[in-house]
Amino acid sequence: MQLREGEQIIKVFHHHPTPFVYDVFKVILGSFPFFLLLFLFTPILSVKWVVILYLMVFALFALVLTYVALIYWLDKLIITNQRIIHIDWKYLTVRDESEAFLRDIQDVQTEEKGILSRFWVFDYGLLRLDTPSSYVTIEFFHAPDPENIRKHIFSLKQQ
């Protein structure tokens, strides 16, 4: 992403941390069967192999957790004084970059978790930006306080 002449970054939004905590729990639950199998096979293996296998499973768990964290925290929504840019990392080697000029935005839709969104822990949702084209330009999942982002975009658009 490169800024254009006279363009300034106003605000950068990352995903809300609560869905990331859910993803970490999924990774922990996914690693649990491997540690359980190692625990069950401990009596028939030598101490050396038990330590090596535990380290290997832990290293694999740490790599998966690091991968999930990087993908989750590299995604961002950048609001500048001219446009809105969404950088969405699919994998560590593949990213999708979408942009919409502020003057082209026709509609900003938000979806939140209902009454639970009153609490900061659950105040996240979907932010969808529509432009005159026939498809949705930007969808930012797990946006922190999407209603506030929507208000911020409309206030910039009116300036």
C-alpha atoms as a PDB file:
ATOM      1  CA  MET A   1       0.000   0.000   0.000  1.00  0.00           C
ATOM      2  CA  GLN A   2       1.316   3.371  -0.970  1.00  0.00           C
ATOM      3  CA  LEU A   3      -0.178   6.684  -0.042  1.00  0.00           C
ATOM      4  CA  ARG A   4      -0.990   9.124  -2.784  1.00  0.00           C
ATOM      5  CA  GLU A   5       0.122  12.703  -2.930  1.00  0.00           C
ATOM      6  CA  GLY A   6      -1.515  14.723  -0.159  1.00  0.00           C
ATOM      7  CA  GLU A   7      -2.973  11.614   1.471  1.00  0.00           C
ATOM      8  CA  GLN A   8      -2.601  11.123   5.219  1.00  0.00           C
ATOM      9  CA  ILE A   9      -3.493   8.176   7.415  1.00  0.00           C
ATOM     10  CA  ILE A  10      -6.185   9.208   9.866  1.00  0.00           C
ATOM     11  CA  LYS A  11      -6.919   5.961  11.686  1.00  0.00           C
ATOM     12  CA  VAL A  12      -5.948   2.280  11.517  1.00  0.00           C
ATOM     13  CA  PHE A  13      -8.288  -0.426  12.821  1.00  0.00           C
ATOM     14  CA  HIS A  14      -7.275  -3.993  13.629  1.00  0.00           C
ATOM     15  CA  HIS A  15      -9.580  -6.878  14.505  1.00  0.00           C
ATOM     16  CA  HIS A  16     -11.166  -6.990  17.951  1.00  0.00           C
ATOM     17  CA  PRO A  17      -9.199  -9.228  20.376  1.00  0.00           C
ATOM     18  CA  THR A  18     -12.142 -11.375  21.557  1.00  0.00           C
ATOM     19  CA  PRO A  19     -12.443 -13.482  18.354  1.00  0.00           C
ATOM     20  CA  PHE A  20      -8.674 -13.982  18.509  1.00  0.00           C
ATOM     21  CA  VAL A  21      -9.068 -15.476  21.988  1.00  0.00           C
ATOM     22  CA  TYR A  22     -11.666 -17.887  20.527  1.00  0.00           C
ATOM     23  CA  ASP A  23      -9.176 -18.881  17.818  1.00  0.00           C
ATOM     24  CA  VAL A  24      -6.474 -19.492  20.442  1.00  0.00           C
ATOM     25  CA  PHE A  25      -8.855 -21.772  22.353  1.00  0.00           C
ATOM     26  CA  LYS A  26      -9.542 -23.699  19.121  1.00  0.00           C
ATOM     27  CA  VAL A  27      -5.816 -24.221  18.591  1.00  0.00           C
ATOM     28  CA  ILE A  28      -5.387 -25.341  22.205  1.00  0.00           C
ATOM     29  CA  LEU A  29      -8.277 -27.793  21.876  1.00  0.00           C
ATOM     30  CA  GLY A  30      -6.791 -29.055  18.606  1.00  0.00           C
ATOM     31  CA  SER A  31      -3.447 -29.733  20.274  1.00  0.00           C
ATOM     32  CA  PHE A  32      -4.973 -31.486  23.291  1.00  0.00           C
ATOM     33  CA  PRO A  33      -5.388 -34.927  21.575  1.00  0.00           C
ATOM     34  CA  PHE A  34      -1.706 -34.964  20.626  1.00  0.00           C
ATOM     35  CA  PHE A  35      -0.598 -34.276  24.180  1.00  0.00           C
ATOM     36  CA  LEU A  36      -3.083 -36.879  25.427  1.00  0.00           C
ATOM     37  CA  LEU A  37      -1.656 -39.516  23.068  1.00  0.00           C
ATOM     38  CA  LEU A  38       1.844 -38.711  24.231  1.00  0.00           C
ATOM     39  CA  PHE A  39       0.730 -39.007  27.832  1.00  0.00           C
ATOM     40  CA  LEU A  40      -0.802 -42.423  27.117  1.00  0.00           C
ATOM     41  CA  PHE A  41       2.339 -43.689  25.343  1.00  0.00           C
ATOM     42  CA  THR A  42       4.740 -42.349  27.998  1.00  0.00           C
ATOM     43  CA  PRO A  43       5.072 -45.695  29.865  1.00  0.00           C
ATOM     44  CA  ILE A  44       6.301 -47.564  26.781  1.00  0.00           C
ATOM     45  CA  LEU A  45       8.774 -44.931  25.551  1.00  0.00           C
ATOM     46  CA  SER A  46      12.151 -44.010  26.919  1.00  0.00           C
ATOM     47  CA  VAL A  47      12.548 -40.695  28.710  1.00  0.00           C
ATOM     48  CA  LYS A  48      14.629 -39.351  25.833  1.00  0.00           C
ATOM     49  CA  TRP A  49      11.875 -40.023  23.272  1.00  0.00           C
ATOM     50  CA  VAL A  50       9.156 -38.673  25.548  1.00  0.00           C
ATOM     51  CA  VAL A  51      11.023 -35.376  25.906  1.00  0.00           C
ATOM     52  CA  ILE A  52      11.735 -35.192  22.155  1.00  0.00           C
ATOM     53  CA  LEU A  53       8.124 -35.926  21.220  1.00  0.00           C
ATOM     54  CA  TYR A  54       6.741 -33.440  23.750  1.00  0.00           C
ATOM     55  CA  LEU A  55       9.079 -30.761  22.386  1.00  0.00           C
ATOM     56  CA  MET A  56       8.043 -31.571  18.811  1.00  0.00           C
ATOM     57  CA  VAL A  57       4.331 -31.360  19.611  1.00  0.00           C
ATOM     58  CA  PHE A  58       4.852 -28.155  21.584  1.00  0.00           C
ATOM     59  CA  ALA A  59       6.894 -26.640  18.724  1.00  0.00           C
ATOM     60  CA  LEU A  60       4.174 -27.561  16.234  1.00  0.00           C
ATOM     61  CA  PHE A  61       1.561 -26.040  18.557  1.00  0.00           C
ATOM     62  CA  ALA A  62       3.641 -22.856  18.890  1.00  0.00           C
ATOM     63  CA  LEU A  63       4.026 -22.586  15.090  1.00  0.00           C
ATOM     64  CA  VAL A  64       0.290 -22.969  14.502  1.00  0.00           C
ATOM     65  CA  LEU A  65      -0.458 -20.420  17.217  1.00  0.00           C
ATOM     66  CA  THR A  66       2.062 -17.974  15.729  1.00  0.00           C
ATOM     67  CA  TYR A  67       0.556 -18.447  12.265  1.00  0.00           C
ATOM     68  CA  VAL A  68      -2.972 -17.788  13.548  1.00  0.00           C
ATOM     69  CA  ALA A  69      -1.778 -14.704  15.439  1.00  0.00           C
ATOM     70  CA  LEU A  70       0.072 -13.259  12.438  1.00  0.00           C
ATOM     71  CA  ILE A  71      -2.835 -13.747  10.052  1.00  0.00           C
ATOM     72  CA  TYR A  72      -5.246 -12.257  12.561  1.00  0.00           C
ATOM     73  CA  TRP A  73      -3.200  -9.191  13.535  1.00  0.00           C
ATOM     74  CA  LEU A  74      -1.875  -8.338  10.055  1.00  0.00           C
ATOM     75  CA  ASP A  75      -5.412  -7.688   8.782  1.00  0.00           C
ATOM     76  CA  LYS A  76      -6.319  -4.031   9.072  1.00  0.00           C
ATOM     77  CA  LEU A  77      -8.631  -1.284   7.886  1.00  0.00           C
ATOM     78  CA  ILE A  78      -6.835   1.964   7.106  1.00  0.00           C
ATOM     79  CA  ILE A  79      -8.783   5.204   6.876  1.00  0.00           C
ATOM     80  CA  THR A  80      -7.061   8.079   5.119  1.00  0.00           C
ATOM     81  CA  ASN A  81      -8.315  11.512   4.180  1.00  0.00           C
ATOM     82  CA  GLN A  82      -9.059  10.261   0.616  1.00  0.00           C
ATOM     83  CA  ARG A  83      -9.889   6.569   0.774  1.00  0.00           C
ATOM     84  CA  ILE A  84     -10.437   3.476   2.886  1.00  0.00           C
ATOM     85  CA  ILE A  85      -8.050   0.558   2.425  1.00  0.00           C
ATOM     86  CA  HIS A  86      -8.654  -2.981   3.672  1.00  0.00           C
ATOM     87  CA  ILE A  87      -5.666  -5.323   3.835  1.00  0.00           C
ATOM     88  CA  ASP A  88      -6.817  -8.918   4.275  1.00  0.00           C
ATOM     89  CA  TRP A  89      -4.173 -11.611   4.674  1.00  0.00           C
ATOM     90  CA  LYS A  90      -5.476 -14.977   3.408  1.00  0.00           C
ATOM     91  CA  TYR A  91      -2.189 -16.780   4.157  1.00  0.00           C
ATOM     92  CA  LEU A  92       1.252 -15.515   5.102  1.00  0.00           C
ATOM     93  CA  THR A  93       2.136 -15.307   1.419  1.00  0.00           C
ATOM     94  CA  VAL A  94      -1.201 -14.132  -0.002  1.00  0.00           C
ATOM     95  CA  ARG A  95      -2.921 -10.877   0.829  1.00  0.00           C
ATOM     96  CA  ASP A  96      -5.928  -9.158  -0.656  1.00  0.00           C
ATOM     97  CA  GLU A  97      -5.987  -5.373  -0.747  1.00  0.00           C
ATOM     98  CA  SER A  98      -9.237  -3.498  -1.397  1.00  0.00           C
ATOM     99  CA  GLU A  99      -9.827   0.211  -1.473  1.00  0.00           C
ATOM    100  CA  ALA A 100     -12.701   2.631  -1.823  1.00  0.00           C
ATOM    101  CA  PHE A 101     -12.521   6.382  -2.240  1.00  0.00           C
ATOM    102  CA  LEU A 102     -14.484   8.301   0.368  1.00  0.00           C
ATOM    103  CA  ARG A 103     -16.452  10.127  -2.338  1.00  0.00           C
ATOM    104  CA  ASP A 104     -17.537   6.788  -3.885  1.00  0.00           C
ATOM    105  CA  ILE A 105     -18.945   5.232  -0.713  1.00  0.00           C
ATOM    106  CA  GLN A 106     -22.712   4.944  -0.988  1.00  0.00           C
ATOM    107  CA  ASP A 107     -23.571   2.834   2.029  1.00  0.00           C
ATOM    108  CA  VAL A 108     -21.888   1.605   5.192  1.00  0.00           C
ATOM    109  CA  GLN A 109     -23.580  -1.322   6.908  1.00  0.00           C
ATOM    110  CA  THR A 110     -22.734  -2.764  10.300  1.00  0.00           C
ATOM    111  CA  GLU A 111     -23.719  -5.970  12.059  1.00  0.00           C
ATOM    112  CA  GLU A 112     -23.132  -6.491  15.764  1.00  0.00           C
ATOM    113  CA  LYS A 113     -24.009  -9.058  18.441  1.00  0.00           C
ATOM    114  CA  GLY A 114     -27.228  -7.388  19.596  1.00  0.00           C
ATOM    115  CA  ILE A 115     -27.607  -6.442  23.242  1.00  0.00           C
ATOM    116  CA  LEU A 116     -24.242  -8.032  24.116  1.00  0.00           C
ATOM    117  CA  SER A 117     -22.502  -5.372  22.030  1.00  0.00           C
ATOM    118  CA  ARG A 118     -23.052  -2.938  24.910  1.00  0.00           C
ATOM    119  CA  PHE A 119     -20.126  -4.670  26.632  1.00  0.00           C
ATOM    120  CA  TRP A 120     -16.626  -3.980  25.272  1.00  0.00           C
ATOM    121  CA  VAL A 121     -15.766  -7.696  25.182  1.00  0.00           C
ATOM    122  CA  PHE A 122     -18.545  -8.368  22.656  1.00  0.00           C
ATOM    123  CA  ASP A 123     -18.503  -5.007  20.852  1.00  0.00           C
ATOM    124  CA  TYR A 124     -17.340  -6.280  17.481  1.00  0.00           C
ATOM    125  CA  GLY A 125     -18.986  -7.195  14.234  1.00  0.00           C
ATOM    126  CA  LEU A 126     -19.018  -6.783  10.479  1.00  0.00           C
ATOM    127  CA  LEU A 127     -18.411  -3.535   8.629  1.00  0.00           C
ATOM    128  CA  ARG A 128     -19.483  -3.539   4.975  1.00  0.00           C
ATOM    129  CA  LEU A 129     -18.753  -0.660   2.587  1.00  0.00           C
ATOM    130  CA  ASP A 130     -20.707  -0.412  -0.658  1.00  0.00           C
ATOM    131  CA  THR A 131     -19.667   1.607  -3.693  1.00  0.00           C
ATOM    132  CA  PRO A 132     -21.513   2.328  -6.982  1.00  0.00           C
ATOM    133  CA  SER A 133     -20.173  -0.859  -8.517  1.00  0.00           C
ATOM    134  CA  SER A 134     -22.301  -4.000  -8.478  1.00  0.00           C
ATOM    135  CA  TYR A 135     -20.361  -5.798  -5.743  1.00  0.00           C
ATOM    136  CA  VAL A 136     -19.454  -5.130  -2.132  1.00  0.00           C
ATOM    137  CA  THR A 137     -16.052  -3.508  -2.078  1.00  0.00           C
ATOM    138  CA  ILE A 138     -14.935  -4.022   1.503  1.00  0.00           C
ATOM    139  CA  GLU A 139     -16.027  -6.430   4.250  1.00  0.00           C
ATOM    140  CA  PHE A 140     -14.091  -6.105   7.509  1.00  0.00           C
ATOM    141  CA  PHE A 141     -14.942  -8.956   9.891  1.00  0.00           C
ATOM    142  CA  HIS A 142     -14.467  -8.680  13.661  1.00  0.00           C
ATOM    143  CA  ALA A 143     -14.292  -4.884  13.457  1.00  0.00           C
ATOM    144  CA  PRO A 144     -13.995  -3.236  16.868  1.00  0.00           C
ATOM    145  CA  ASP A 145     -17.069  -1.061  17.505  1.00  0.00           C
ATOM    146  CA  PRO A 146     -18.314  -1.064  13.891  1.00  0.00           C
ATOM    147  CA  GLU A 147     -20.928   1.596  14.594  1.00  0.00           C
ATOM    148  CA  ASN A 148     -18.235   4.019  15.700  1.00  0.00           C
ATOM    149  CA  ILE A 149     -16.198   3.275  12.554  1.00  0.00           C
ATOM    150  CA  ARG A 150     -19.309   3.933  10.445  1.00  0.00           C
ATOM    151  CA  LYS A 151     -19.835   7.309  12.132  1.00  0.00           C
ATOM    152  CA  HIS A 152     -16.172   8.154  11.642  1.00  0.00           C
ATOM    153  CA  ILE A 153     -16.387   7.370   7.911  1.00  0.00           C
ATOM    154  CA  PHE A 154     -19.516   9.467   7.435  1.00  0.00           C
ATOM    155  CA  SER A 155     -17.957  12.388   9.314  1.00  0.00           C
ATOM    156  CA  LEU A 156     -14.903  12.221   7.015  1.00  0.00           C
ATOM    157  CA  LYS A 157     -17.114  11.974   3.957  1.00  0.00           C
ATOM    158  CA  GLN A 158     -18.994  15.146   4.934  1.00  0.00           C
ATOM    159  CA  GLN A 159     -15.786  17.165   5.303  1.00  0.00           C
END
